[in-house]
Amino acid sequence: MTTAANVAIGFVALLHACFLVLEMLLWDTPFGRRVFRTTPEFAAASKKLAANQGLYNGFLAAGLVWGLSLGVAGLEVKFFFLACVIVAGVFGAVTVNRYILFIQALPGIVALALLLP
């Protein structure tokens, strides 16, 4: 299960790196507005908030990569950052859009389930 868990964790890290790019660099572009279903006005008004959110997603990705780089010794680091991903995904689903549960929390839950003995 270690290989499957590490592949799943790598996928979650990649997702969060993509979220970083979308929120920090592409938020107010036509592509970013289409992904997040926002208007040009809303995107312009919320650009700094989205960039801040993207930075946090980058920290989650970095933490997961860090855990992966530690190998077996990174179990606790992987667990912690996956838990953060799941909590953020559930919070986003409750406060913003239920879709976030499936895009962010569910991959984290699957990776965490594979990580546990």
PDB file of N, CA and C in Angstrom:
ATOM      1  N   MET A   1       0.805  -1.201   0.000  1.00  0.00           N
ATOM      2  CA  MET A   1       0.000   0.000   0.000  1.00  0.00           C
ATOM      3  C   MET A   1       0.851   1.270   0.000  1.00  0.00           C
ATOM      4  N   THR A   2       2.095   1.170   0.358  1.00  0.00           N
ATOM      5  CA  THR A   2       2.942   2.357   0.430  1.00  0.00           C
ATOM      6  C   THR A   2       3.045   3.046  -0.926  1.00  0.00           C
ATOM      7  N   THR A   3       3.224   2.274  -1.979  1.00  0.00           N
ATOM      8  CA  THR A   3       3.336   2.877  -3.310  1.00  0.00           C
ATOM      9  C   THR A   3       2.029   3.546  -3.701  1.00  0.00           C
ATOM     10  N   ALA A   4       0.913   2.873  -3.470  1.00  0.00           N
ATOM     11  CA  ALA A   4      -0.394   3.458  -3.799  1.00  0.00           C
ATOM     12  C   ALA A   4      -0.632   4.735  -2.993  1.00  0.00           C
ATOM     13  N   ALA A   5      -0.281   4.704  -1.720  1.00  0.00           N
ATOM     14  CA  ALA A   5      -0.446   5.893  -0.876  1.00  0.00           C
ATOM     15  C   ALA A   5       0.413   7.037  -1.388  1.00  0.00           C
ATOM     16  N   ASN A   6       1.655   6.742  -1.732  1.00  0.00           N
ATOM     17  CA  ASN A   6       2.556   7.790  -2.213  1.00  0.00           C
ATOM     18  C   ASN A   6       2.093   8.364  -3.549  1.00  0.00           C
ATOM     19  N   VAL A   7       1.564   7.514  -4.425  1.00  0.00           N
ATOM     20  CA  VAL A   7       1.026   8.012  -5.698  1.00  0.00           C
ATOM     21  C   VAL A   7      -0.175   8.919  -5.428  1.00  0.00           C
ATOM     22  N   ALA A   8      -1.050   8.496  -4.528  1.00  0.00           N
ATOM     23  CA  ALA A   8      -2.221   9.314  -4.189  1.00  0.00           C
ATOM     24  C   ALA A   8      -1.807  10.639  -3.550  1.00  0.00           C
ATOM     25  N   ILE A   9      -0.818  10.594  -2.679  1.00  0.00           N
ATOM     26  CA  ILE A   9      -0.325  11.822  -2.041  1.00  0.00           C
ATOM     27  C   ILE A   9       0.305  12.731  -3.091  1.00  0.00           C
ATOM     28  N   GLY A  10       1.053  12.159  -4.010  1.00  0.00           N
ATOM     29  CA  GLY A  10       1.618  12.956  -5.100  1.00  0.00           C
ATOM     30  C   GLY A  10       0.527  13.614  -5.926  1.00  0.00           C
ATOM     31  N   PHE A  11      -0.564  12.892  -6.182  1.00  0.00           N
ATOM     32  CA  PHE A  11      -1.697  13.455  -6.916  1.00  0.00           C
ATOM     33  C   PHE A  11      -2.321  14.621  -6.156  1.00  0.00           C
ATOM     34  N   VAL A  12      -2.502  14.460  -4.856  1.00  0.00           N
ATOM     35  CA  VAL A  12      -3.064  15.539  -4.035  1.00  0.00           C
ATOM     36  C   VAL A  12      -2.131  16.750  -4.051  1.00  0.00           C
ATOM     37  N   ALA A  13      -0.834  16.505  -3.960  1.00  0.00           N
ATOM     38  CA  ALA A  13       0.135  17.608  -4.022  1.00  0.00           C
ATOM     39  C   ALA A  13       0.046  18.321  -5.368  1.00  0.00           C
ATOM     40  N   LEU A  14      -0.058  17.547  -6.446  1.00  0.00           N
ATOM     41  CA  LEU A  14      -0.187  18.134  -7.779  1.00  0.00           C
ATOM     42  C   LEU A  14      -1.467  18.967  -7.897  1.00  0.00           C
ATOM     43  N   LEU A  15      -2.561  18.452  -7.367  1.00  0.00           N
ATOM     44  CA  LEU A  15      -3.815  19.222  -7.368  1.00  0.00           C
ATOM     45  C   LEU A  15      -3.620  20.578  -6.701  1.00  0.00           C
ATOM     46  N   HIS A  16      -2.963  20.572  -5.544  1.00  0.00           N
ATOM     47  CA  HIS A  16      -2.788  21.827  -4.808  1.00  0.00           C
ATOM     48  C   HIS A  16      -1.797  22.759  -5.488  1.00  0.00           C
ATOM     49  N   ALA A  17      -0.833  22.215  -6.195  1.00  0.00           N
ATOM     50  CA  ALA A  17       0.045  23.064  -7.001  1.00  0.00           C
ATOM     51  C   ALA A  17      -0.757  23.710  -8.137  1.00  0.00           C
ATOM     52  N   CYS A  18      -1.674  22.951  -8.714  1.00  0.00           N
ATOM     53  CA  CYS A  18      -2.555  23.510  -9.754  1.00  0.00           C
ATOM     54  C   CYS A  18      -3.464  24.582  -9.178  1.00  0.00           C
ATOM     55  N   PHE A  19      -3.992  24.344  -7.972  1.00  0.00           N
ATOM     56  CA  PHE A  19      -4.827  25.361  -7.321  1.00  0.00           C
ATOM     57  C   PHE A  19      -4.020  26.646  -7.115  1.00  0.00           C
ATOM     58  N   LEU A  20      -2.747  26.500  -6.721  1.00  0.00           N
ATOM     59  CA  LEU A  20      -1.876  27.666  -6.550  1.00  0.00           C
ATOM     60  C   LEU A  20      -1.807  28.457  -7.843  1.00  0.00           C
ATOM     61  N   VAL A  21      -1.542  27.785  -8.944  1.00  0.00           N
ATOM     62  CA  VAL A  21      -1.428  28.473 -10.239  1.00  0.00           C
ATOM     63  C   VAL A  21      -2.750  29.140 -10.610  1.00  0.00           C
ATOM     64  N   LEU A  22      -3.836  28.404 -10.457  1.00  0.00           N
ATOM     65  CA  LEU A  22      -5.148  28.964 -10.805  1.00  0.00           C
ATOM     66  C   LEU A  22      -5.477  30.198  -9.969  1.00  0.00           C
ATOM     67  N   GLU A  23      -5.215  30.121  -8.675  1.00  0.00           N
ATOM     68  CA  GLU A  23      -5.625  31.209  -7.777  1.00  0.00           C
ATOM     69  C   GLU A  23      -4.636  32.365  -7.755  1.00  0.00           C
ATOM     70  N   MET A  24      -3.367  32.096  -7.930  1.00  0.00           N
ATOM     71  CA  MET A  24      -2.378  33.166  -7.856  1.00  0.00           C
ATOM     72  C   MET A  24      -2.098  33.815  -9.207  1.00  0.00           C
ATOM     73  N   LEU A  25      -2.157  33.028 -10.279  1.00  0.00           N
ATOM     74  CA  LEU A  25      -1.736  33.549 -11.579  1.00  0.00           C
ATOM     75  C   LEU A  25      -2.870  33.679 -12.592  1.00  0.00           C
ATOM     76  N   LEU A  26      -3.862  32.824 -12.506  1.00  0.00           N
ATOM     77  CA  LEU A  26      -4.888  32.779 -13.549  1.00  0.00           C
ATOM     78  C   LEU A  26      -6.269  33.229 -13.082  1.00  0.00           C
ATOM     79  N   TRP A  27      -6.375  33.692 -11.859  1.00  0.00           N
ATOM     80  CA  TRP A  27      -7.662  34.024 -11.253  1.00  0.00           C
ATOM     81  C   TRP A  27      -8.530  34.933 -12.117  1.00  0.00           C
ATOM     82  N   ASP A  28      -7.944  35.990 -12.643  1.00  0.00           N
ATOM     83  CA  ASP A  28      -8.748  36.973 -13.379  1.00  0.00           C
ATOM     84  C   ASP A  28      -8.614  36.835 -14.897  1.00  0.00           C
ATOM     85  N   THR A  29      -8.070  35.704 -15.348  1.00  0.00           N
ATOM     86  CA  THR A  29      -8.005  35.442 -16.785  1.00  0.00           C
ATOM     87  C   THR A  29      -9.305  34.755 -17.220  1.00  0.00           C
ATOM     88  N   PRO A  30      -9.596  34.744 -18.507  1.00  0.00           N
ATOM     89  CA  PRO A  30     -10.808  34.039 -18.955  1.00  0.00           C
ATOM     90  C   PRO A  30     -10.843  32.574 -18.488  1.00  0.00           C
ATOM     91  N   PHE A  31      -9.699  31.889 -18.529  1.00  0.00           N
ATOM     92  CA  PHE A  31      -9.657  30.498 -18.073  1.00  0.00           C
ATOM     93  C   PHE A  31      -9.980  30.397 -16.586  1.00  0.00           C
ATOM     94  N   GLY A  32      -9.332  31.225 -15.780  1.00  0.00           N
ATOM     95  CA  GLY A  32      -9.577  31.215 -14.333  1.00  0.00           C
ATOM     96  C   GLY A  32     -11.016  31.554 -13.993  1.00  0.00           C
ATOM     97  N   ARG A  33     -11.562  32.542 -14.675  1.00  0.00           N
ATOM     98  CA  ARG A  33     -12.966  32.914 -14.417  1.00  0.00           C
ATOM     99  C   ARG A  33     -13.905  31.777 -14.814  1.00  0.00           C
ATOM    100  N   ARG A  34     -13.575  31.063 -15.872  1.00  0.00           N
ATOM    101  CA  ARG A  34     -14.411  29.932 -16.302  1.00  0.00           C
ATOM    102  C   ARG A  34     -14.332  28.797 -15.275  1.00  0.00           C
ATOM    103  N   VAL A  35     -13.132  28.496 -14.789  1.00  0.00           N
ATOM    104  CA  VAL A  35     -12.957  27.426 -13.799  1.00  0.00           C
ATOM    105  C   VAL A  35     -13.739  27.729 -12.531  1.00  0.00           C
ATOM    106  N   PHE A  36     -13.643  28.966 -12.059  1.00  0.00           N
ATOM    107  CA  PHE A  36     -14.279  29.340 -10.792  1.00  0.00           C
ATOM    108  C   PHE A  36     -15.656  29.972 -10.972  1.00  0.00           C
ATOM    109  N   ARG A  37     -16.093  30.075 -12.217  1.00  0.00           N
ATOM    110  CA  ARG A  37     -17.424  30.622 -12.541  1.00  0.00           C
ATOM    111  C   ARG A  37     -17.637  32.006 -11.916  1.00  0.00           C
ATOM    112  N   THR A  38     -16.698  32.893 -12.196  1.00  0.00           N
ATOM    113  CA  THR A  38     -16.792  34.253 -11.670  1.00  0.00           C
ATOM    114  C   THR A  38     -16.915  35.258 -12.814  1.00  0.00           C
ATOM    115  N   THR A  39     -17.384  36.419 -12.467  1.00  0.00           N
ATOM    116  CA  THR A  39     -17.473  37.517 -13.431  1.00  0.00           C
ATOM    117  C   THR A  39     -16.144  38.268 -13.440  1.00  0.00           C
ATOM    118  N   PRO A  40     -15.895  39.033 -14.494  1.00  0.00           N
ATOM    119  CA  PRO A  40     -14.670  39.844 -14.499  1.00  0.00           C
ATOM    120  C   PRO A  40     -14.612  40.800 -13.304  1.00  0.00           C
ATOM    121  N   GLU A  41     -15.747  41.344 -12.927  1.00  0.00           N
ATOM    122  CA  GLU A  41     -15.780  42.291 -11.804  1.00  0.00           C
ATOM    123  C   GLU A  41     -15.431  41.596 -10.486  1.00  0.00           C
ATOM    124  N   PHE A  42     -16.041  40.441 -10.265  1.00  0.00           N
ATOM    125  CA  PHE A  42     -15.749  39.705  -9.031  1.00  0.00           C
ATOM    126  C   PHE A  42     -14.291  39.267  -9.000  1.00  0.00           C
ATOM    127  N   ALA A  43     -13.788  38.760 -10.128  1.00  0.00           N
ATOM    128  CA  ALA A  43     -12.395  38.317 -10.189  1.00  0.00           C
ATOM    129  C   ALA A  43     -11.437  39.464  -9.878  1.00  0.00           C
ATOM    130  N   ALA A  44     -11.707  40.628 -10.427  1.00  0.00           N
ATOM    131  CA  ALA A  44     -10.845  41.786 -10.171  1.00  0.00           C
ATOM    132  C   ALA A  44     -10.905  42.196  -8.700  1.00  0.00           C
ATOM    133  N   ALA A  45     -12.116  42.188  -8.131  1.00  0.00           N
ATOM    134  CA  ALA A  45     -12.284  42.627  -6.745  1.00  0.00           C
ATOM    135  C   ALA A  45     -11.696  41.627  -5.745  1.00  0.00           C
ATOM    136  N   SER A  46     -11.630  40.355  -6.106  1.00  0.00           N
ATOM    137  CA  SER A  46     -11.184  39.324  -5.164  1.00  0.00           C
ATOM    138  C   SER A  46      -9.800  38.767  -5.494  1.00  0.00           C
ATOM    139  N   LYS A  47      -9.100  39.397  -6.406  1.00  0.00           N
ATOM    140  CA  LYS A  47      -7.807  38.874  -6.871  1.00  0.00           C
ATOM    141  C   LYS A  47      -6.800  38.691  -5.733  1.00  0.00           C
ATOM    142  N   LYS A  48      -6.699  39.642  -4.831  1.00  0.00           N
ATOM    143  CA  LYS A  48      -5.733  39.529  -3.735  1.00  0.00           C
ATOM    144  C   LYS A  48      -6.123  38.416  -2.764  1.00  0.00           C
ATOM    145  N   LEU A  49      -7.407  38.263  -2.511  1.00  0.00           N
ATOM    146  CA  LEU A  49      -7.858  37.172  -1.639  1.00  0.00           C
ATOM    147  C   LEU A  49      -7.561  35.814  -2.268  1.00  0.00           C
ATOM    148  N   ALA A  50      -7.803  35.700  -3.568  1.00  0.00           N
ATOM    149  CA  ALA A  50      -7.534  34.446  -4.272  1.00  0.00           C
ATOM    150  C   ALA A  50      -6.036  34.127  -4.249  1.00  0.00           C
ATOM    151  N   ALA A  51      -5.204  35.129  -4.414  1.00  0.00           N
ATOM    152  CA  ALA A  51      -3.759  34.910  -4.383  1.00  0.00           C
ATOM    153  C   ALA A  51      -3.323  34.397  -3.008  1.00  0.00           C
ATOM    154  N   ASN A  52      -3.902  34.958  -1.967  1.00  0.00           N
ATOM    155  CA  ASN A  52      -3.603  34.503  -0.615  1.00  0.00           C
ATOM    156  C   ASN A  52      -4.021  33.049  -0.448  1.00  0.00           C
ATOM    157  N   GLN A  53      -5.192  32.706  -0.917  1.00  0.00           N
ATOM    158  CA  GLN A  53      -5.678  31.332  -0.858  1.00  0.00           C
ATOM    159  C   GLN A  53      -4.773  30.405  -1.664  1.00  0.00           C
ATOM    160  N   GLY A  54      -4.336  30.852  -2.809  1.00  0.00           N
ATOM    161  CA  GLY A  54      -3.427  30.061  -3.636  1.00  0.00           C
ATOM    162  C   GLY A  54      -2.110  29.786  -2.926  1.00  0.00           C
ATOM    163  N   LEU A  55      -1.620  30.781  -2.200  1.00  0.00           N
ATOM    164  CA  LEU A  55      -0.381  30.598  -1.450  1.00  0.00           C
ATOM    165  C   LEU A  55      -0.543  29.491  -0.414  1.00  0.00           C
ATOM    166  N   TYR A  56      -1.669  29.475   0.290  1.00  0.00           N
ATOM    167  CA  TYR A  56      -1.927  28.419   1.267  1.00  0.00           C
ATOM    168  C   TYR A  56      -1.983  27.045   0.593  1.00  0.00           C
ATOM    169  N   ASN A  57      -2.590  26.979  -0.573  1.00  0.00           N
ATOM    170  CA  ASN A  57      -2.610  25.715  -1.305  1.00  0.00           C
ATOM    171  C   ASN A  57      -1.198  25.291  -1.680  1.00  0.00           C
ATOM    172  N   GLY A  58      -0.350  26.252  -1.984  1.00  0.00           N
ATOM    173  CA  GLY A  58       1.047  25.940  -2.258  1.00  0.00           C
ATOM    174  C   GLY A  58       1.755  25.363  -1.045  1.00  0.00           C
ATOM    175  N   PHE A  59       1.438  25.901   0.139  1.00  0.00           N
ATOM    176  CA  PHE A  59       2.025  25.356   1.363  1.00  0.00           C
ATOM    177  C   PHE A  59       1.581  23.914   1.587  1.00  0.00           C
ATOM    178  N   LEU A  60       0.313  23.619   1.283  1.00  0.00           N
ATOM    179  CA  LEU A  60      -0.166  22.242   1.421  1.00  0.00           C
ATOM    180  C   LEU A  60       0.588  21.323   0.465  1.00  0.00           C
ATOM    181  N   ALA A  61       0.753  21.761  -0.770  1.00  0.00           N
ATOM    182  CA  ALA A  61       1.499  20.963  -1.753  1.00  0.00           C
ATOM    183  C   ALA A  61       2.942  20.749  -1.287  1.00  0.00           C
ATOM    184  N   ALA A  62       3.566  21.803  -0.813  1.00  0.00           N
ATOM    185  CA  ALA A  62       4.959  21.708  -0.359  1.00  0.00           C
ATOM    186  C   ALA A  62       5.082  20.750   0.824  1.00  0.00           C
ATOM    187  N   GLY A  63       4.144  20.807   1.744  1.00  0.00           N
ATOM    188  CA  GLY A  63       4.172  19.898   2.888  1.00  0.00           C
ATOM    189  C   GLY A  63       4.035  18.446   2.472  1.00  0.00           C
ATOM    190  N   LEU A  64       3.158  18.184   1.510  1.00  0.00           N
ATOM    191  CA  LEU A  64       2.996  16.812   1.028  1.00  0.00           C
ATOM    192  C   LEU A  64       4.255  16.320   0.306  1.00  0.00           C
ATOM    193  N   VAL A  65       4.852  17.183  -0.495  1.00  0.00           N
ATOM    194  CA  VAL A  65       6.096  16.816  -1.178  1.00  0.00           C
ATOM    195  C   VAL A  65       7.207  16.578  -0.159  1.00  0.00           C
ATOM    196  N   TRP A  66       7.241  17.409   0.860  1.00  0.00           N
ATOM    197  CA  TRP A  66       8.220  17.228   1.934  1.00  0.00           C
ATOM    198  C   TRP A  66       8.034  15.846   2.578  1.00  0.00           C
ATOM    199  N   GLY A  67       6.803  15.511   2.914  1.00  0.00           N
ATOM    200  CA  GLY A  67       6.530  14.205   3.506  1.00  0.00           C
ATOM    201  C   GLY A  67       6.961  13.070   2.595  1.00  0.00           C
ATOM    202  N   LEU A  68       6.664  13.210   1.302  1.00  0.00           N
ATOM    203  CA  LEU A  68       7.089  12.182   0.344  1.00  0.00           C
ATOM    204  C   LEU A  68       8.605  12.057   0.290  1.00  0.00           C
ATOM    205  N   SER A  69       9.296  13.192   0.359  1.00  0.00           N
ATOM    206  CA  SER A  69      10.760  13.176   0.259  1.00  0.00           C
ATOM    207  C   SER A  69      11.416  12.496   1.458  1.00  0.00           C
ATOM    208  N   LEU A  70      10.705  12.427   2.564  1.00  0.00           N
ATOM    209  CA  LEU A  70      11.247  11.792   3.770  1.00  0.00           C
ATOM    210  C   LEU A  70      11.073  10.274   3.765  1.00  0.00           C
ATOM    211  N   GLY A  71      10.308   9.775   2.810  1.00  0.00           N
ATOM    212  CA  GLY A  71      10.079   8.331   2.745  1.00  0.00           C
ATOM    213  C   GLY A  71       9.279   7.842   3.936  1.00  0.00           C
ATOM    214  N   VAL A  72       9.690   6.708   4.471  1.00  0.00           N
ATOM    215  CA  VAL A  72       8.987   6.105   5.608  1.00  0.00           C
ATOM    216  C   VAL A  72       8.999   7.042   6.814  1.00  0.00           C
ATOM    217  N   ALA A  73      10.048   7.793   6.975  1.00  0.00           N
ATOM    218  CA  ALA A  73      10.161   8.715   8.108  1.00  0.00           C
ATOM    219  C   ALA A  73       9.175   9.885   8.005  1.00  0.00           C
ATOM    220  N   GLY A  74       8.555  10.060   6.835  1.00  0.00           N
ATOM    221  CA  GLY A  74       7.636  11.178   6.640  1.00  0.00           C
ATOM    222  C   GLY A  74       6.186  10.858   6.925  1.00  0.00           C
ATOM    223  N   LEU A  75       5.915   9.729   7.555  1.00  0.00           N
ATOM    224  CA  LEU A  75       4.533   9.318   7.810  1.00  0.00           C
ATOM    225  C   LEU A  75       3.730  10.403   8.531  1.00  0.00           C
ATOM    226  N   GLU A  76       4.279  10.940   9.601  1.00  0.00           N
ATOM    227  CA  GLU A  76       3.543  11.949  10.374  1.00  0.00           C
ATOM    228  C   GLU A  76       3.348  13.234   9.580  1.00  0.00           C
ATOM    229  N   VAL A  77       4.343  13.604   8.781  1.00  0.00           N
ATOM    230  CA  VAL A  77       4.231  14.814   7.956  1.00  0.00           C
ATOM    231  C   VAL A  77       3.135  14.619   6.911  1.00  0.00           C
ATOM    232  N   LYS A  78       3.124  13.470   6.255  1.00  0.00           N
ATOM    233  CA  LYS A  78       2.078  13.171   5.267  1.00  0.00           C
ATOM    234  C   LYS A  78       0.702  13.192   5.929  1.00  0.00           C
ATOM    235  N   PHE A  79       0.598  12.558   7.066  1.00  0.00           N
ATOM    236  CA  PHE A  79      -0.672  12.508   7.793  1.00  0.00           C
ATOM    237  C   PHE A  79      -1.157  13.918   8.124  1.00  0.00           C
ATOM    238  N   PHE A  80      -0.263  14.740   8.675  1.00  0.00           N
ATOM    239  CA  PHE A  80      -0.642  16.101   9.064  1.00  0.00           C
ATOM    240  C   PHE A  80      -1.142  16.908   7.866  1.00  0.00           C
ATOM    241  N   PHE A  81      -0.383  16.901   6.776  1.00  0.00           N
ATOM    242  CA  PHE A  81      -0.773  17.728   5.634  1.00  0.00           C
ATOM    243  C   PHE A  81      -2.012  17.179   4.926  1.00  0.00           C
ATOM    244  N   LEU A  82      -2.194  15.863   4.911  1.00  0.00           N
ATOM    245  CA  LEU A  82      -3.438  15.320   4.362  1.00  0.00           C
ATOM    246  C   LEU A  82      -4.622  15.717   5.233  1.00  0.00           C
ATOM    247  N   ALA A  83      -4.439  15.703   6.543  1.00  0.00           N
ATOM    248  CA  ALA A  83      -5.510  16.147   7.441  1.00  0.00           C
ATOM    249  C   ALA A  83      -5.852  17.616   7.177  1.00  0.00           C
ATOM    250  N   CYS A  84      -4.838  18.439   6.959  1.00  0.00           N
ATOM    251  CA  CYS A  84      -5.078  19.853   6.633  1.00  0.00           C
ATOM    252  C   CYS A  84      -5.857  19.988   5.328  1.00  0.00           C
ATOM    253  N   VAL A  85      -5.496  19.197   4.334  1.00  0.00           N
ATOM    254  CA  VAL A  85      -6.192  19.216   3.043  1.00  0.00           C
ATOM    255  C   VAL A  85      -7.663  18.855   3.245  1.00  0.00           C
ATOM    256  N   ILE A  86      -7.906  17.818   4.017  1.00  0.00           N
ATOM    257  CA  ILE A  86      -9.279  17.356   4.238  1.00  0.00           C
ATOM    258  C   ILE A  86     -10.095  18.401   4.988  1.00  0.00           C
ATOM    259  N   VAL A  87      -9.530  18.966   6.044  1.00  0.00           N
ATOM    260  CA  VAL A  87     -10.248  19.999   6.808  1.00  0.00           C
ATOM    261  C   VAL A  87     -10.543  21.201   5.917  1.00  0.00           C
ATOM    262  N   ALA A  88      -9.567  21.638   5.130  1.00  0.00           N
ATOM    263  CA  ALA A  88      -9.782  22.773   4.227  1.00  0.00           C
ATOM    264  C   ALA A  88     -10.856  22.446   3.196  1.00  0.00           C
ATOM    265  N   GLY A  89     -10.850  21.223   2.682  1.00  0.00           N
ATOM    266  CA  GLY A  89     -11.848  20.820   1.696  1.00  0.00           C
ATOM    267  C   GLY A  89     -13.244  20.767   2.279  1.00  0.00           C
ATOM    268  N   VAL A  90     -13.374  20.230   3.472  1.00  0.00           N
ATOM    269  CA  VAL A  90     -14.691  20.181   4.126  1.00  0.00           C
ATOM    270  C   VAL A  90     -15.177  21.592   4.445  1.00  0.00           C
ATOM    271  N   PHE A  91     -14.292  22.426   4.957  1.00  0.00           N
ATOM    272  CA  PHE A  91     -14.672  23.814   5.261  1.00  0.00           C
ATOM    273  C   PHE A  91     -15.106  24.541   3.996  1.00  0.00           C
ATOM    274  N   GLY A  92     -14.350  24.371   2.921  1.00  0.00           N
ATOM    275  CA  GLY A  92     -14.723  24.998   1.653  1.00  0.00           C
ATOM    276  C   GLY A  92     -16.054  24.496   1.139  1.00  0.00           C
ATOM    277  N   ALA A  93     -16.310  23.206   1.310  1.00  0.00           N
ATOM    278  CA  ALA A  93     -17.583  22.636   0.860  1.00  0.00           C
ATOM    279  C   ALA A  93     -18.757  23.196   1.652  1.00  0.00           C
ATOM    280  N   VAL A  94     -18.545  23.415   2.937  1.00  0.00           N
ATOM    281  CA  VAL A  94     -19.617  23.937   3.796  1.00  0.00           C
ATOM    282  C   VAL A  94     -19.840  25.431   3.568  1.00  0.00           C
ATOM    283  N   THR A  95     -18.756  26.167   3.349  1.00  0.00           N
ATOM    284  CA  THR A  95     -18.872  27.628   3.300  1.00  0.00           C
ATOM    285  C   THR A  95     -18.926  28.223   1.897  1.00  0.00           C
ATOM    286  N   VAL A  96     -18.449  27.488   0.883  1.00  0.00           N
ATOM    287  CA  VAL A  96     -18.364  28.071  -0.458  1.00  0.00           C
ATOM    288  C   VAL A  96     -19.166  27.282  -1.478  1.00  0.00           C
ATOM    289  N   ASN A  97     -18.801  26.005  -1.670  1.00  0.00           N
ATOM    290  CA  ASN A  97     -19.424  25.216  -2.724  1.00  0.00           C
ATOM    291  C   ASN A  97     -19.218  23.729  -2.421  1.00  0.00           C
ATOM    292  N   ARG A  98     -20.287  22.953  -2.459  1.00  0.00           N
ATOM    293  CA  ARG A  98     -20.197  21.521  -2.162  1.00  0.00           C
ATOM    294  C   ARG A  98     -19.214  20.791  -3.078  1.00  0.00           C
ATOM    295  N   TYR A  99     -19.028  21.308  -4.255  1.00  0.00           N
ATOM    296  CA  TYR A  99     -18.126  20.717  -5.241  1.00  0.00           C
ATOM    297  C   TYR A  99     -16.700  20.572  -4.688  1.00  0.00           C
ATOM    298  N   ILE A 100     -16.307  21.459  -3.806  1.00  0.00           N
ATOM    299  CA  ILE A 100     -14.967  21.435  -3.210  1.00  0.00           C
ATOM    300  C   ILE A 100     -14.744  20.138  -2.433  1.00  0.00           C
ATOM    301  N   LEU A 101     -15.814  19.579  -1.892  1.00  0.00           N
ATOM    302  CA  LEU A 101     -15.699  18.311  -1.167  1.00  0.00           C
ATOM    303  C   LEU A 101     -15.130  17.230  -2.074  1.00  0.00           C
ATOM    304  N   PHE A 102     -15.555  17.209  -3.323  1.00  0.00           N
ATOM    305  CA  PHE A 102     -15.123  16.169  -4.248  1.00  0.00           C
ATOM    306  C   PHE A 102     -13.777  16.484  -4.895  1.00  0.00           C
ATOM    307  N   ILE A 103     -13.494  17.755  -5.113  1.00  0.00           N
ATOM    308  CA  ILE A 103     -12.254  18.161  -5.774  1.00  0.00           C
ATOM    309  C   ILE A 103     -11.067  18.172  -4.814  1.00  0.00           C
ATOM    310  N   GLN A 104     -11.292  18.565  -3.567  1.00  0.00           N
ATOM    311  CA  GLN A 104     -10.188  18.717  -2.627  1.00  0.00           C
ATOM    312  C   GLN A 104     -10.218  17.678  -1.509  1.00  0.00           C
ATOM    313  N   ALA A 105     -11.338  17.555  -0.809  1.00  0.00           N
ATOM    314  CA  ALA A 105     -11.367  16.676   0.363  1.00  0.00           C
ATOM    315  C   ALA A 105     -11.318  15.197  -0.006  1.00  0.00           C
ATOM    316  N   LEU A 106     -12.085  14.786  -1.011  1.00  0.00           N
ATOM    317  CA  LEU A 106     -12.144  13.365  -1.353  1.00  0.00           C
ATOM    318  C   LEU A 106     -10.786  12.787  -1.760  1.00  0.00           C
ATOM    319  N   PRO A 107     -10.013  13.455  -2.626  1.00  0.00           N
ATOM    320  CA  PRO A 107      -8.678  12.907  -2.916  1.00  0.00           C
ATOM    321  C   PRO A 107      -7.805  12.810  -1.659  1.00  0.00           C
ATOM    322  N   GLY A 108      -7.931  13.787  -0.756  1.00  0.00           N
ATOM    323  CA  GLY A 108      -7.181  13.735   0.498  1.00  0.00           C
ATOM    324  C   GLY A 108      -7.619  12.575   1.370  1.00  0.00           C
ATOM    325  N   ILE A 109      -8.918  12.308   1.406  1.00  0.00           N
ATOM    326  CA  ILE A 109      -9.450  11.192   2.193  1.00  0.00           C
ATOM    327  C   ILE A 109      -8.942   9.864   1.624  1.00  0.00           C
ATOM    328  N   VAL A 110      -8.975   9.727   0.311  1.00  0.00           N
ATOM    329  CA  VAL A 110      -8.485   8.492  -0.323  1.00  0.00           C
ATOM    330  C   VAL A 110      -7.000   8.299  -0.021  1.00  0.00           C
ATOM    331  N   ALA A 111      -6.217   9.346  -0.168  1.00  0.00           N
ATOM    332  CA  ALA A 111      -4.774   9.247   0.113  1.00  0.00           C
ATOM    333  C   ALA A 111      -4.533   8.888   1.579  1.00  0.00           C
ATOM    334  N   LEU A 112      -5.282   9.505   2.474  1.00  0.00           N
ATOM    335  CA  LEU A 112      -5.124   9.211   3.898  1.00  0.00           C
ATOM    336  C   LEU A 112      -5.516   7.768   4.203  1.00  0.00           C
ATOM    337  N   ALA A 113      -6.593   7.291   3.601  1.00  0.00           N
ATOM    338  CA  ALA A 113      -7.015   5.904   3.806  1.00  0.00           C
ATOM    339  C   ALA A 113      -5.939   4.928   3.331  1.00  0.00           C
ATOM    340  N   LEU A 114      -5.296   5.242   2.224  1.00  0.00           N
ATOM    341  CA  LEU A 114      -4.223   4.391   1.715  1.00  0.00           C
ATOM    342  C   LEU A 114      -2.977   4.463   2.600  1.00  0.00           C
ATOM    343  N   LEU A 115      -2.791   5.587   3.261  1.00  0.00           N
ATOM    344  CA  LEU A 115      -1.621   5.782   4.113  1.00  0.00           C
ATOM    345  C   LEU A 115      -1.741   5.006   5.433  1.00  0.00           C
ATOM    346  N   LEU A 116      -2.954   4.898   5.922  1.00  0.00           N
ATOM    347  CA  LEU A 116      -3.156   4.231   7.219  1.00  0.00           C
ATOM    348  C   LEU A 116      -2.978   2.719   7.075  1.00  0.00           C
ATOM    349  N   PRO A 117      -2.455   2.095   8.124  1.00  0.00           N
ATOM    350  CA  PRO A 117      -2.222   0.630   8.072  1.00  0.00           C
ATOM    351  C   PRO A 117      -3.518  -0.167   8.026  1.00  0.00           C
TER     352      PRO A 117
END
